[in-house]
Each structure stands twice: as C-alpha cells, then as structure tokens.
C-alpha atoms as a PDB file:
ATOM      1  CA  MET A   1      56.611 -83.527 -45.272  1.00  0.00           C
ATOM      2  CA  ILE A   2      56.554 -79.898 -45.140  1.00  0.00           C
ATOM      3  CA  LEU A   3      56.559 -78.267 -41.695  1.00  0.00           C
ATOM      4  CA  ILE A   4      55.306 -74.328 -41.523  1.00  0.00           C
ATOM      5  CA  ASN A   5      56.248 -72.173 -38.393  1.00  0.00           C
ATOM      6  CA  LEU A   6      53.267 -70.025 -37.421  1.00  0.00           C
ATOM      7  CA  LEU A   7      54.696 -68.727 -34.352  1.00  0.00           C
ATOM      8  CA  PRO A   8      55.473 -65.095 -35.989  1.00  0.00           C
ATOM      9  CA  HIS A   9      52.566 -64.853 -37.602  1.00  0.00           C
ATOM     10  CA  ARG A  10      50.583 -65.316 -34.533  1.00  0.00           C
ATOM     11  CA  GLU A  11      52.901 -62.953 -32.791  1.00  0.00           C
ATOM     12  CA  ALA A  12      51.845 -60.603 -35.499  1.00  0.00           C
ATOM     13  CA  ARG A  13      48.217 -60.752 -35.049  1.00  0.00           C
ATOM     14  CA  ARG A  14      48.706 -60.608 -31.335  1.00  0.00           C
ATOM     15  CA  ARG A  15      50.462 -57.356 -31.884  1.00  0.00           C
ATOM     16  CA  GLN A  16      48.131 -55.944 -34.203  1.00  0.00           C
ATOM     17  CA  ARG A  17      45.240 -56.755 -31.950  1.00  0.00           C
ATOM     18  CA  LYS A  18      47.039 -55.354 -28.966  1.00  0.00           C
ATOM     19  CA  GLN A  19      47.891 -51.939 -30.925  1.00  0.00           C
ATOM     20  CA  ALA A  20      44.364 -51.765 -32.216  1.00  0.00           C
ATOM     21  CA  PHE A  21      43.005 -51.918 -28.248  1.00  0.00           C
ATOM     22  CA  TYR A  22      45.367 -49.382 -27.365  1.00  0.00           C
ATOM     23  CA  VAL A  23      44.143 -47.326 -30.338  1.00  0.00           C
ATOM     24  CA  GLY A  24      40.601 -47.789 -29.188  1.00  0.00           C
ATOM     25  CA  VAL A  25      41.476 -46.878 -25.659  1.00  0.00           C
ATOM     26  CA  GLY A  26      43.264 -43.767 -26.937  1.00  0.00           C
ATOM     27  CA  LEU A  27      40.285 -42.655 -29.278  1.00  0.00           C
ATOM     28  CA  ALA A  28      37.819 -43.403 -26.358  1.00  0.00           C
ATOM     29  CA  VAL A  29      40.142 -41.123 -24.050  1.00  0.00           C
ATOM     30  CA  ALA A  30      40.397 -38.396 -26.451  1.00  0.00           C
ATOM     31  CA  VAL A  31      36.766 -38.481 -27.037  1.00  0.00           C
ATOM     32  CA  GLY A  32      35.971 -38.239 -23.820  1.00  0.00           C
ATOM     33  CA  ALA A  33      38.396 -35.773 -22.867  1.00  0.00           C
ATOM     34  CA  ALA A  34      36.666 -33.610 -25.779  1.00  0.00           C
ATOM     35  CA  VAL A  35      33.260 -34.276 -24.566  1.00  0.00           C
ATOM     36  CA  ALA A  36      34.340 -33.050 -20.846  1.00  0.00           C
ATOM     37  CA  ALA A  37      36.452 -29.876 -22.340  1.00  0.00           C
ATOM     38  CA  VAL A  38      33.193 -28.931 -24.546  1.00  0.00           C
ATOM     39  CA  TRP A  39      31.135 -29.682 -21.351  1.00  0.00           C
ATOM     40  CA  TYR A  40      33.539 -27.754 -18.904  1.00  0.00           C
ATOM     41  CA  LEU A  41      33.497 -24.850 -21.474  1.00  0.00           C
ATOM     42  CA  ALA A  42      29.662 -25.021 -21.767  1.00  0.00           C
ATOM     43  CA  LEU A  43      29.643 -24.692 -18.090  1.00  0.00           C
ATOM     44  CA  GLN A  44      32.098 -21.943 -17.573  1.00  0.00           C
ATOM     45  CA  GLN A  45      29.682 -20.174 -20.097  1.00  0.00           C
ATOM     46  CA  LEU A  46      26.665 -20.397 -18.224  1.00  0.00           C
ATOM     47  CA  ILE A  47      28.541 -19.815 -14.781  1.00  0.00           C
ATOM     48  CA  GLY A  48      29.736 -16.627 -16.267  1.00  0.00           C
ATOM     49  CA  ASP A  49      26.334 -15.630 -18.087  1.00  0.00           C
ATOM     50  CA  GLN A  50      24.696 -16.299 -14.764  1.00  0.00           C
ATOM     51  CA  GLN A  51      27.322 -14.047 -12.792  1.00  0.00           C
ATOM     52  CA  THR A  52      26.612 -11.435 -15.406  1.00  0.00           C
ATOM     53  CA  ARG A  53      22.951 -11.653 -14.846  1.00  0.00           C
ATOM     54  CA  ASN A  54      23.409 -11.505 -10.973  1.00  0.00           C
ATOM     55  CA  GLN A  55      25.595  -8.605 -11.166  1.00  0.00           C
ATOM     56  CA  PHE A  56      23.108  -6.818 -13.412  1.00  0.00           C
ATOM     57  CA  LEU A  57      20.499  -7.524 -10.606  1.00  0.00           C
ATOM     58  CA  LYS A  58      22.847  -6.217  -7.947  1.00  0.00           C
ATOM     59  CA  ASP A  59      23.154  -3.010  -9.772  1.00  0.00           C
ATOM     60  CA  GLU A  60      19.618  -2.554 -10.472  1.00  0.00           C
ATOM     61  CA  ILE A  61      18.703  -3.090  -7.034  1.00  0.00           C
ATOM     62  CA  THR A  62      21.380  -0.693  -5.760  1.00  0.00           C
ATOM     63  CA  ARG A  63      19.948   1.557  -8.089  1.00  0.00           C
ATOM     64  CA  LEU A  64      16.470   1.493  -6.731  1.00  0.00           C
ATOM     65  CA  ASP A  65      17.618   1.323  -3.600  1.00  0.00           C
ATOM     66  CA  VAL A  66      19.011   5.091  -4.383  1.00  0.00           C
ATOM     67  CA  GLN A  67      15.668   6.193  -5.945  1.00  0.00           C
ATOM     68  CA  ILE A  68      13.967   4.713  -2.928  1.00  0.00           C
ATOM     69  CA  LYS A  69      15.821   6.506  -0.530  1.00  0.00           C
ATOM     70  CA  ASP A  70      15.906   9.276  -2.786  1.00  0.00           C
ATOM     71  CA  ILE A  71      11.850   9.219  -2.791  1.00  0.00           C
ATOM     72  CA  ALA A  72      11.530   8.575   1.166  1.00  0.00           C
ATOM     73  CA  SER A  73      13.851  11.572   1.456  1.00  0.00           C
ATOM     74  CA  LEU A  74      11.386  13.873  -0.789  1.00  0.00           C
ATOM     75  CA  ARG A  75       8.392  12.390   1.253  1.00  0.00           C
ATOM     76  CA  ALA A  76       9.589  13.478   4.297  1.00  0.00           C
ATOM     77  CA  GLU A  77      10.570  17.204   2.960  1.00  0.00           C
ATOM     78  CA  ILE A  78       6.874  17.298   1.447  1.00  0.00           C
ATOM     79  CA  ASP A  79       5.287  16.181   4.866  1.00  0.00           C
ATOM     80  CA  GLY A  80       7.711  18.657   6.602  1.00  0.00           C
ATOM     81  CA  LEU A  81       6.196  21.301   4.430  1.00  0.00           C
ATOM     82  CA  LYS A  82       2.783  20.487   5.146  1.00  0.00           C
ATOM     83  CA  ALA A  83       3.358  20.285   8.807  1.00  0.00           C
ATOM     84  CA  ARG A  84       4.369  23.790   8.506  1.00  0.00           C
ATOM     85  CA  GLN A  85       1.703  25.023   6.294  1.00  0.00           C
ATOM     86  CA  LYS A  86      -0.829  23.433   8.672  1.00  0.00           C
ATOM     87  CA  ALA A  87       0.880  25.366  11.554  1.00  0.00           C
ATOM     88  CA  VAL A  88       0.676  28.572   9.820  1.00  0.00           C
ATOM     89  CA  GLU A  89      -2.896  27.964   9.030  1.00  0.00           C
ATOM     90  CA  ASP A  90      -4.111  26.956  12.118  1.00  0.00           C
ATOM     91  CA  LEU A  91      -2.028  29.802  13.869  1.00  0.00           C
ATOM     92  CA  GLN A  92      -4.205  32.070  11.260  1.00  0.00           C
ATOM     93  CA  THR A  93      -7.572  30.317  12.328  1.00  0.00           C
ATOM     94  CA  ASP A  94      -6.141  30.643  15.856  1.00  0.00           C
ATOM     95  CA  ARG A  95      -6.002  34.514  15.666  1.00  0.00           C
ATOM     96  CA  ASN A  96      -9.655  34.639  13.795  1.00  0.00           C
ATOM     97  CA  THR A  97     -11.383  32.557  15.867  1.00  0.00           C
ATOM     98  CA  PRO A  98     -12.074  34.801  18.959  1.00  0.00           C
ATOM     99  CA  VAL A  99     -13.798  37.442  16.295  1.00  0.00           C
ATOM    100  CA  ARG A 100     -15.295  35.165  14.381  1.00  0.00           C
ATOM    101  CA  LEU A 101     -16.709  33.366  17.868  1.00  0.00           C
ATOM    102  CA  LEU A 102     -18.320  36.682  18.875  1.00  0.00           C
ATOM    103  CA  ASP A 103     -19.586  37.906  15.444  1.00  0.00           C
ATOM    104  CA  GLU A 104     -21.319  34.213  15.274  1.00  0.00           C
ATOM    105  CA  LEU A 105     -22.854  34.772  18.808  1.00  0.00           C
ATOM    106  CA  VAL A 106     -24.548  38.436  17.770  1.00  0.00           C
ATOM    107  CA  LYS A 107     -25.708  36.558  14.799  1.00  0.00           C
ATOM    108  CA  GLN A 108     -27.242  33.619  16.802  1.00  0.00           C
ATOM    109  CA  THR A 109     -28.529  35.034  19.779  1.00  0.00           C
ATOM    110  CA  PRO A 110     -31.835  36.148  19.697  1.00  0.00           C
ATOM    111  CA  GLU A 111     -34.057  39.284  21.118  1.00  0.00           C
ATOM    112  CA  GLY A 112     -34.471  38.930  24.712  1.00  0.00           C
ATOM    113  CA  VAL A 113     -31.032  36.617  25.607  1.00  0.00           C
ATOM    114  CA  TYR A 114     -27.923  38.495  27.084  1.00  0.00           C
ATOM    115  CA  LEU A 115     -24.523  36.708  27.550  1.00  0.00           C
ATOM    116  CA  THR A 116     -22.728  37.605  30.796  1.00  0.00           C
ATOM    117  CA  SER A 117     -20.077  35.273  30.548  1.00  0.00           C
ATOM    118  CA  LEU A 118     -17.677  33.616  27.662  1.00  0.00           C
ATOM    119  CA  LYS A 119     -15.151  30.777  28.397  1.00  0.00           C
ATOM    120  CA  GLN A 120     -13.094  29.263  25.673  1.00  0.00           C
ATOM    121  CA  ASN A 121     -10.839  26.430  26.384  1.00  0.00           C
ATOM    122  CA  GLY A 122      -9.816  24.773  22.671  1.00  0.00           C
ATOM    123  CA  HIS A 123     -12.687  24.339  20.580  1.00  0.00           C
ATOM    124  CA  GLN A 124     -15.056  24.253  23.408  1.00  0.00           C
ATOM    125  CA  VAL A 125     -16.928  27.296  24.615  1.00  0.00           C
ATOM    126  CA  GLN A 126     -19.116  27.773  27.329  1.00  0.00           C
ATOM    127  CA  LEU A 127     -21.491  30.396  27.592  1.00  0.00           C
ATOM    128  CA  ALA A 128     -23.794  32.148  30.591  1.00  0.00           C
ATOM    129  CA  GLY A 129     -26.228  34.412  30.653  1.00  0.00           C
ATOM    130  CA  VAL A 130     -29.695  35.526  31.240  1.00  0.00           C
ATOM    131  CA  ALA A 131     -32.677  35.283  28.990  1.00  0.00           C
ATOM    132  CA  GLN A 132     -36.296  36.771  29.411  1.00  0.00           C
ATOM    133  CA  SER A 133     -38.256  33.057  28.826  1.00  0.00           C
ATOM    134  CA  ASN A 134     -37.261  29.835  28.348  1.00  0.00           C
ATOM    135  CA  GLU A 135     -38.416  29.923  24.794  1.00  0.00           C
ATOM    136  CA  ARG A 136     -35.762  32.743  24.085  1.00  0.00           C
ATOM    137  CA  VAL A 137     -32.821  29.814  25.665  1.00  0.00           C
ATOM    138  CA  SER A 138     -34.619  27.488  23.392  1.00  0.00           C
ATOM    139  CA  GLU A 139     -34.496  29.517  20.099  1.00  0.00           C
ATOM    140  CA  MET A 140     -30.607  30.137  20.788  1.00  0.00           C
ATOM    141  CA  LEU A 141     -30.129  26.572  21.029  1.00  0.00           C
ATOM    142  CA  ARG A 142     -31.983  26.167  17.500  1.00  0.00           C
ATOM    143  CA  ASN A 143     -30.134  28.887  15.911  1.00  0.00           C
ATOM    144  CA  LEU A 144     -26.581  27.334  16.986  1.00  0.00           C
ATOM    145  CA  LEU A 145     -27.827  23.964  15.899  1.00  0.00           C
ATOM    146  CA  TYR A 146     -29.016  24.878  12.256  1.00  0.00           C
ATOM    147  CA  SER A 147     -28.160  28.196  11.106  1.00  0.00           C
ATOM    148  CA  SER A 148     -24.628  28.833  12.594  1.00  0.00           C
ATOM    149  CA  GLN A 149     -21.617  28.391  10.174  1.00  0.00           C
ATOM    150  CA  TRP A 150     -19.170  28.477  13.002  1.00  0.00           C
ATOM    151  CA  LEU A 151     -20.582  26.695  15.999  1.00  0.00           C
ATOM    152  CA  GLU A 152     -21.978  23.224  16.192  1.00  0.00           C
ATOM    153  CA  LEU A 153     -23.150  20.633  18.927  1.00  0.00           C
ATOM    154  CA  PRO A 154     -25.032  23.258  21.282  1.00  0.00           C
ATOM    155  CA  GLU A 155     -25.943  21.697  24.626  1.00  0.00           C
ATOM    156  CA  LEU A 156     -27.980  23.130  27.690  1.00  0.00           C
ATOM    157  CA  ILE A 157     -26.278  22.965  31.002  1.00  0.00           C
ATOM    158  CA  GLU A 158     -28.549  24.594  33.529  1.00  0.00           C
ATOM    159  CA  ILE A 159     -31.329  26.928  33.166  1.00  0.00           C
ATOM    160  CA  ARG A 160     -33.177  28.266  36.487  1.00  0.00           C
ATOM    161  CA  SER A 161     -35.513  31.343  37.260  1.00  0.00           C
ATOM    162  CA  VAL A 162     -34.347  33.875  39.551  1.00  0.00           C
ATOM    163  CA  ASN A 163     -36.083  37.114  40.310  1.00  0.00           C
ATOM    164  CA  VAL A 164     -33.884  40.390  39.728  1.00  0.00           C
ATOM    165  CA  PRO A 165     -35.108  44.111  40.587  1.00  0.00           C
ATOM    166  CA  VAL A 166     -36.443  46.218  37.556  1.00  0.00           C
ATOM    167  CA  SER A 167     -33.785  49.020  38.941  1.00  0.00           C
ATOM    168  CA  GLN A 168     -31.249  49.556  40.904  1.00  0.00           C
ATOM    169  CA  GLY A 169     -32.687  49.763  44.711  1.00  0.00           C
ATOM    170  CA  SER A 170     -36.137  49.056  43.530  1.00  0.00           C
ATOM    171  CA  ARG A 171     -38.051  46.581  45.331  1.00  0.00           C
ATOM    172  CA  GLU A 172     -40.147  45.558  42.269  1.00  0.00           C
ATOM    173  CA  THR A 173     -38.664  42.536  40.342  1.00  0.00           C
ATOM    174  CA  ARG A 174     -39.059  40.940  37.611  1.00  0.00           C
ATOM    175  CA  ARG A 175     -38.649  37.039  36.727  1.00  0.00           C
ATOM    176  CA  LEU A 176     -35.310  36.339  34.392  1.00  0.00           C
ATOM    177  CA  PHE A 177     -33.624  32.980  33.379  1.00  0.00           C
ATOM    178  CA  GLU A 178     -29.978  32.337  34.012  1.00  0.00           C
ATOM    179  CA  TYR A 179     -28.772  29.676  31.929  1.00  0.00           C
ATOM    180  CA  GLN A 180     -25.466  27.834  31.027  1.00  0.00           C
ATOM    181  CA  MET A 181     -24.677  26.029  27.583  1.00  0.00           C
ATOM    182  CA  ARG A 182     -21.720  24.944  26.079  1.00  0.00           C
ATOM    183  CA  VAL A 183     -21.071  24.875  22.064  1.00  0.00           C
ATOM    184  CA  ARG A 184     -18.112  23.636  19.590  1.00  0.00           C
ATOM    185  CA  ILE A 185     -16.137  25.397  17.554  1.00  0.00           C
ATOM    186  CA  LYS A 186     -15.938  23.775  14.249  1.00  0.00           C
ATOM    187  CA  PRO A 187     -12.851  22.633  12.669  1.00  0.00           C
ATOM    188  CA  PRO A 188     -11.532  24.880  10.099  1.00  0.00           C
ATOM    189  CA  ALA A 189     -12.336  22.704   6.857  1.00  0.00           C
ATOM    190  CA  SER A 190     -15.967  22.006   7.807  1.00  0.00           C
ATOM    191  CA  ALA A 191     -16.651  25.752   8.873  1.00  0.00           C
ATOM    192  CA  ALA A 192     -15.110  26.587   5.483  1.00  0.00           C
ATOM    193  CA  SER A 193     -17.473  24.565   3.741  1.00  0.00           C
ATOM    194  CA  ALA A 194     -20.420  25.513   5.298  1.00  0.00           C
ATOM    195  CA  ALA A 195     -19.447  29.148   4.785  1.00  0.00           C
ATOM    196  CA  ALA A 196     -18.632  28.811   1.130  1.00  0.00           C
ATOM    197  CA  SER A 197     -22.726  26.732   0.789  1.00  0.00           C
ATOM    198  CA  ALA A 198     -24.295  29.647   2.878  1.00  0.00           C
ATOM    199  CA  PRO A 199     -26.423  31.540   0.730  1.00  0.00           C
ATOM    200  CA  PRO A 200     -25.785  35.182   0.177  1.00  0.00           C
ATOM    201  CA  ALA A 201     -27.108  37.984   3.104  1.00  0.00           C
ATOM    202  CA  LYS A 202     -29.836  39.941   1.870  1.00  0.00           C
ATOM    203  CA  ALA A 203     -29.163  43.137   1.499  1.00  0.00           C
ATOM    204  CA  SER A 204     -31.522  45.593   3.996  1.00  0.00           C
END
C-alpha cells in the first residue's frame, strides 16, 4: 500500500487563498482610495468654482454699491440745483408780485369801485374800499373769480352802507358802501398757464 502525504499540498492551497484574499483586500482598498481621491478632487473643483462665483458676485455687488452711491450723490446734486433754481424763480416772482397785483386790480376793478387799503400776507391779499353800490362790489367779485389771470378765490368779508359828505364842509351827503374782501394770489405755475392761454388784448 502506497501512502501519499497531502499536508504540503493543503498548506500551499491555504497560502494561495490567503494571498488571494490579501490581493483582493488590497485591490478593494486601492479602488476605494482611487474613488475617494476622485471624489475629493471633484469636490475641491466644485468648491473652487463656487468660491470663484462668490468672489465674482462680491465684486459685482461692490461695483454696484459704488454706482448706487454715485447715482445718489448725483441725485442729491440735481435736487440741490433744482432747489436753488426754484429759490431764484420764487425770488423773481416775489419781486414781480406787487407790480402784477396792482396791475391786475386796476384791470378787475369796475367803475364806481375805489380801493382805500391793500394788505398782503404771503399769497393772501385783503382789500378795503368804497363803492357806489352793492352791484359794483358784486361785479368786482365776479371779475376776480372768472376774469383774473393772477388772482383767485375772492371772498367778501363785509359790506355796509355809509353816508359821506358830498364835499368837505358840506351838509349834503350821499350813500356809499364800504367793503372788505380777501383774494388769493395764484401760484406762479397756474398764473403763467392762465396768462399763456388768455386771448390777446384787443387794440383800441
């Protein structure tokens, strides 16, 4: 009977399986490391791209902030220029107001109505005087309401009849009507518009 010793053969197979296992583990580790490295590089690329975009947005925001400040400064300068222009225009208007006021009152005061007092407070003007009749005062109110280019909102404050001497030292008297009224000077824009749309005066 022949006896064969199988121990060395089994030991060799065991070593082969162990080596194969280690090789497999090594390959798995290598593949895992490669995947992890690729994922890490891809993640770093994404982070870098996002940081680049973030920096671009920050730069754009900074640039826009500068432009907004420039625009705000320009608007402030424009508003300042407009305010100064308006102040000059208002000053010019205020200088012309007394002349225009007197000229307009001459135009709108009918015959038989006389002014004895004129007081201006801002855009409000208070008038006082005497008239030959109530109708004359009513006519003046209508003129100021419908025909005046520079005056508006006439309002009768008071009217009363008085007897005055016909002449100094005379006992003979005549009946007149003392009145008080207020009227408002139109704003420059409204007055200018009314003046522009008014028909030209007829040549006498």
